[in-house]
C-alpha atoms as a PDB file:
ATOM      1  CA  MET A   1      -0.041  -0.020   0.014  1.00  0.00           C
ATOM      2  CA  SER A   2       1.461   3.530  -0.927  1.00  0.00           C
ATOM      3  CA  ARG A   3       1.921   6.107   1.728  1.00  0.00           C
ATOM      4  CA  ASP A   4      -0.825   8.152   0.265  1.00  0.00           C
ATOM      5  CA  ASN A   5      -3.174   5.173   0.400  1.00  0.00           C
ATOM      6  CA  GLY A   6      -2.086   4.495   4.014  1.00  0.00           C
ATOM      7  CA  ARG A   7      -2.718   8.096   5.028  1.00  0.00           C
ATOM      8  CA  ALA A   8      -6.155   8.224   3.292  1.00  0.00           C
ATOM      9  CA  LEU A   9      -7.136   5.025   5.307  1.00  0.00           C
ATOM     10  CA  VAL A  10      -5.919   6.327   8.600  1.00  0.00           C
ATOM     11  CA  THR A  11      -7.769   9.770   7.889  1.00  0.00           C
ATOM     12  CA  PHE A  12     -10.894   7.747   6.949  1.00  0.00           C
ATOM     13  CA  ILE A  13     -10.841   5.739  10.144  1.00  0.00           C
ATOM     14  CA  VAL A  14     -10.106   8.772  12.233  1.00  0.00           C
ATOM     15  CA  GLY A  15     -13.087  10.544  10.634  1.00  0.00           C
ATOM     16  CA  ALA A  16     -15.339   7.715  11.190  1.00  0.00           C
ATOM     17  CA  GLY A  17     -14.327   7.629  14.879  1.00  0.00           C
ATOM     18  CA  VAL A  18     -15.067  11.229  15.247  1.00  0.00           C
ATOM     19  CA  GLY A  19     -18.487  11.062  13.403  1.00  0.00           C
ATOM     20  CA  ALA A  20     -19.636   8.346  15.710  1.00  0.00           C
ATOM     21  CA  ALA A  21     -18.660  10.242  18.776  1.00  0.00           C
ATOM     22  CA  ALA A  22     -20.473  13.266  17.606  1.00  0.00           C
ATOM     23  CA  ALA A  23     -23.444  11.052  16.925  1.00  0.00           C
ATOM     24  CA  LEU A  24     -23.461   9.789  20.595  1.00  0.00           C
ATOM     25  CA  LEU A  25     -23.166  13.224  21.895  1.00  0.00           C
ATOM     26  CA  PHE A  26     -25.750  14.969  19.697  1.00  0.00           C
ATOM     27  CA  ALA A  27     -28.242  12.218  18.732  1.00  0.00           C
ATOM     28  CA  PRO A  28     -31.827  12.586  20.038  1.00  0.00           C
ATOM     29  CA  LYS A  29     -32.667   9.044  19.789  1.00  0.00           C
ATOM     30  CA  THR A  30     -33.129   6.084  22.081  1.00  0.00           C
ATOM     31  CA  GLY A  31     -30.180   3.908  23.133  1.00  0.00           C
ATOM     32  CA  LYS A  32     -31.410   1.022  21.012  1.00  0.00           C
ATOM     33  CA  GLN A  33     -32.177   3.262  17.886  1.00  0.00           C
ATOM     34  CA  LEU A  34     -28.809   4.761  18.353  1.00  0.00           C
ATOM     35  CA  ARG A  35     -26.845   1.426  18.692  1.00  0.00           C
ATOM     36  CA  ASP A  36     -28.640   0.052  15.707  1.00  0.00           C
ATOM     37  CA  GLU A  37     -27.746   3.121  13.567  1.00  0.00           C
ATOM     38  CA  ILE A  38     -24.074   3.102  14.872  1.00  0.00           C
ATOM     39  CA  GLY A  39     -23.906  -0.647  13.940  1.00  0.00           C
ATOM     40  CA  GLU A  40     -25.280  -0.090  10.476  1.00  0.00           C
ATOM     41  CA  GLY A  41     -22.977   2.894  10.031  1.00  0.00           C
ATOM     42  CA  ALA A  42     -19.757   0.739  11.257  1.00  0.00           C
ATOM     43  CA  SER A  43     -20.986  -2.113   8.918  1.00  0.00           C
ATOM     44  CA  ASP A  44     -21.033   0.283   5.949  1.00  0.00           C
ATOM     45  CA  ARG A  45     -17.613   1.620   6.774  1.00  0.00           C
ATOM     46  CA  ILE A  46     -16.275  -1.965   7.142  1.00  0.00           C
ATOM     47  CA  ASN A  47     -17.652  -2.694   3.747  1.00  0.00           C
ATOM     48  CA  GLN A  48     -16.139   0.313   2.241  1.00  0.00           C
ATOM     49  CA  VAL A  49     -12.670  -0.337   3.639  1.00  0.00           C
ATOM     50  CA  ARG A  50     -13.016  -4.049   2.316  1.00  0.00           C
ATOM     51  CA  ASN A  51     -13.947  -2.667  -1.154  1.00  0.00           C
ATOM     52  CA  LYS A  52     -10.999  -0.339  -1.140  1.00  0.00           C
ATOM     53  CA  ALA A  53      -8.680  -3.026   0.125  1.00  0.00           C
ATOM     54  CA  THR A  54      -9.910  -5.467  -2.747  1.00  0.00           C
ATOM     55  CA  ARG A  55      -9.289  -2.607  -5.243  1.00  0.00           C
ATOM     56  CA  VAL A  56      -5.863  -1.906  -3.962  1.00  0.00           C
ATOM     57  CA  GLY A  57      -5.060  -5.580  -4.059  1.00  0.00           C
ATOM     58  CA  GLN A  58      -6.217  -5.988  -7.579  1.00  0.00           C
ATOM     59  CA  ARG A  59      -4.115  -3.002  -8.681  1.00  0.00           C
ATOM     60  CA  ALA A  60      -1.202  -4.343  -6.935  1.00  0.00           C
ATOM     61  CA  GLN A  61      -1.484  -7.817  -8.533  1.00  0.00           C
ATOM     62  CA  GLY A  62      -1.836  -6.106 -12.028  1.00  0.00           C
ATOM     63  CA  LEU A  63       1.380  -4.098 -11.368  1.00  0.00           C
ATOM     64  CA  THR A  64       3.138  -7.454 -10.199  1.00  0.00           C
ATOM     65  CA  ASP A  65       2.016  -9.436 -13.234  1.00  0.00           C
ATOM     66  CA  ARG A  66       3.061  -6.467 -15.479  1.00  0.00           C
ATOM     67  CA  VAL A  67       6.480  -6.190 -13.700  1.00  0.00           C
ATOM     68  CA  THR A  68       7.078 -10.038 -13.886  1.00  0.00           C
ATOM     69  CA  GLU A  69       6.178  -9.937 -17.671  1.00  0.00           C
ATOM     70  CA  GLN A  70       8.804  -7.147 -18.251  1.00  0.00           C
ATOM     71  CA  VAL A  71      11.484  -9.074 -16.133  1.00  0.00           C
ATOM     72  CA  HIS A  72      10.854 -12.130 -18.270  1.00  0.00           C
ATOM     73  CA  GLU A  73      11.211 -10.237 -21.480  1.00  0.00           C
ATOM     74  CA  ALA A  74      14.302  -8.497 -20.264  1.00  0.00           C
ATOM     75  CA  ALA A  75      15.834 -11.956 -19.315  1.00  0.00           C
ATOM     76  CA  THR A  76      14.856 -13.414 -22.837  1.00  0.00           C
ATOM     77  CA  ALA A  77      16.401 -10.557 -24.560  1.00  0.00           C
ATOM     78  CA  GLY A  78      19.538 -10.717 -22.444  1.00  0.00           C
ATOM     79  CA  GLU A  79      19.915 -14.426 -23.120  1.00  0.00           C
ATOM     80  CA  ASN A  80      19.355 -13.975 -26.795  1.00  0.00           C
ATOM     81  CA  ALA A  81      22.070 -11.143 -26.749  1.00  0.00           C
ATOM     82  CA  PHE A  82      24.424 -13.490 -24.908  1.00  0.00           C
ATOM     83  CA  ASN A  83      23.784 -16.265 -27.335  1.00  0.00           C
ATOM     84  CA  THR A  84      24.380 -14.055 -30.309  1.00  0.00           C
ATOM     85  CA  ALA A  85      27.432 -12.744 -28.919  1.00  0.00           C
ATOM     86  CA  THR A  86      29.029 -16.104 -28.058  1.00  0.00           C
ATOM     87  CA  LYS A  87      28.220 -17.663 -31.578  1.00  0.00           C
ATOM     88  CA  ASP A  88      30.991 -15.781 -33.143  1.00  0.00           C
END
């Protein structure tokens, strides 16, 4: 995970915590209603984090695949160049 993605994730988590605390302080709802709402909000945030992590993982896998292919191509080109140079 890049440094910017890590910072964004930490910022998101801190923001979610501050929002939850504000909801507890200012909510004009009963305890059960508030707990249900907080639980739903937390579930939504967890799903958002999971989705983001999945997308980051997919991007990382794509990058890994591209780099692996480039290394393979470079190794093949190097081997071909070596073979050509040693034939003489």
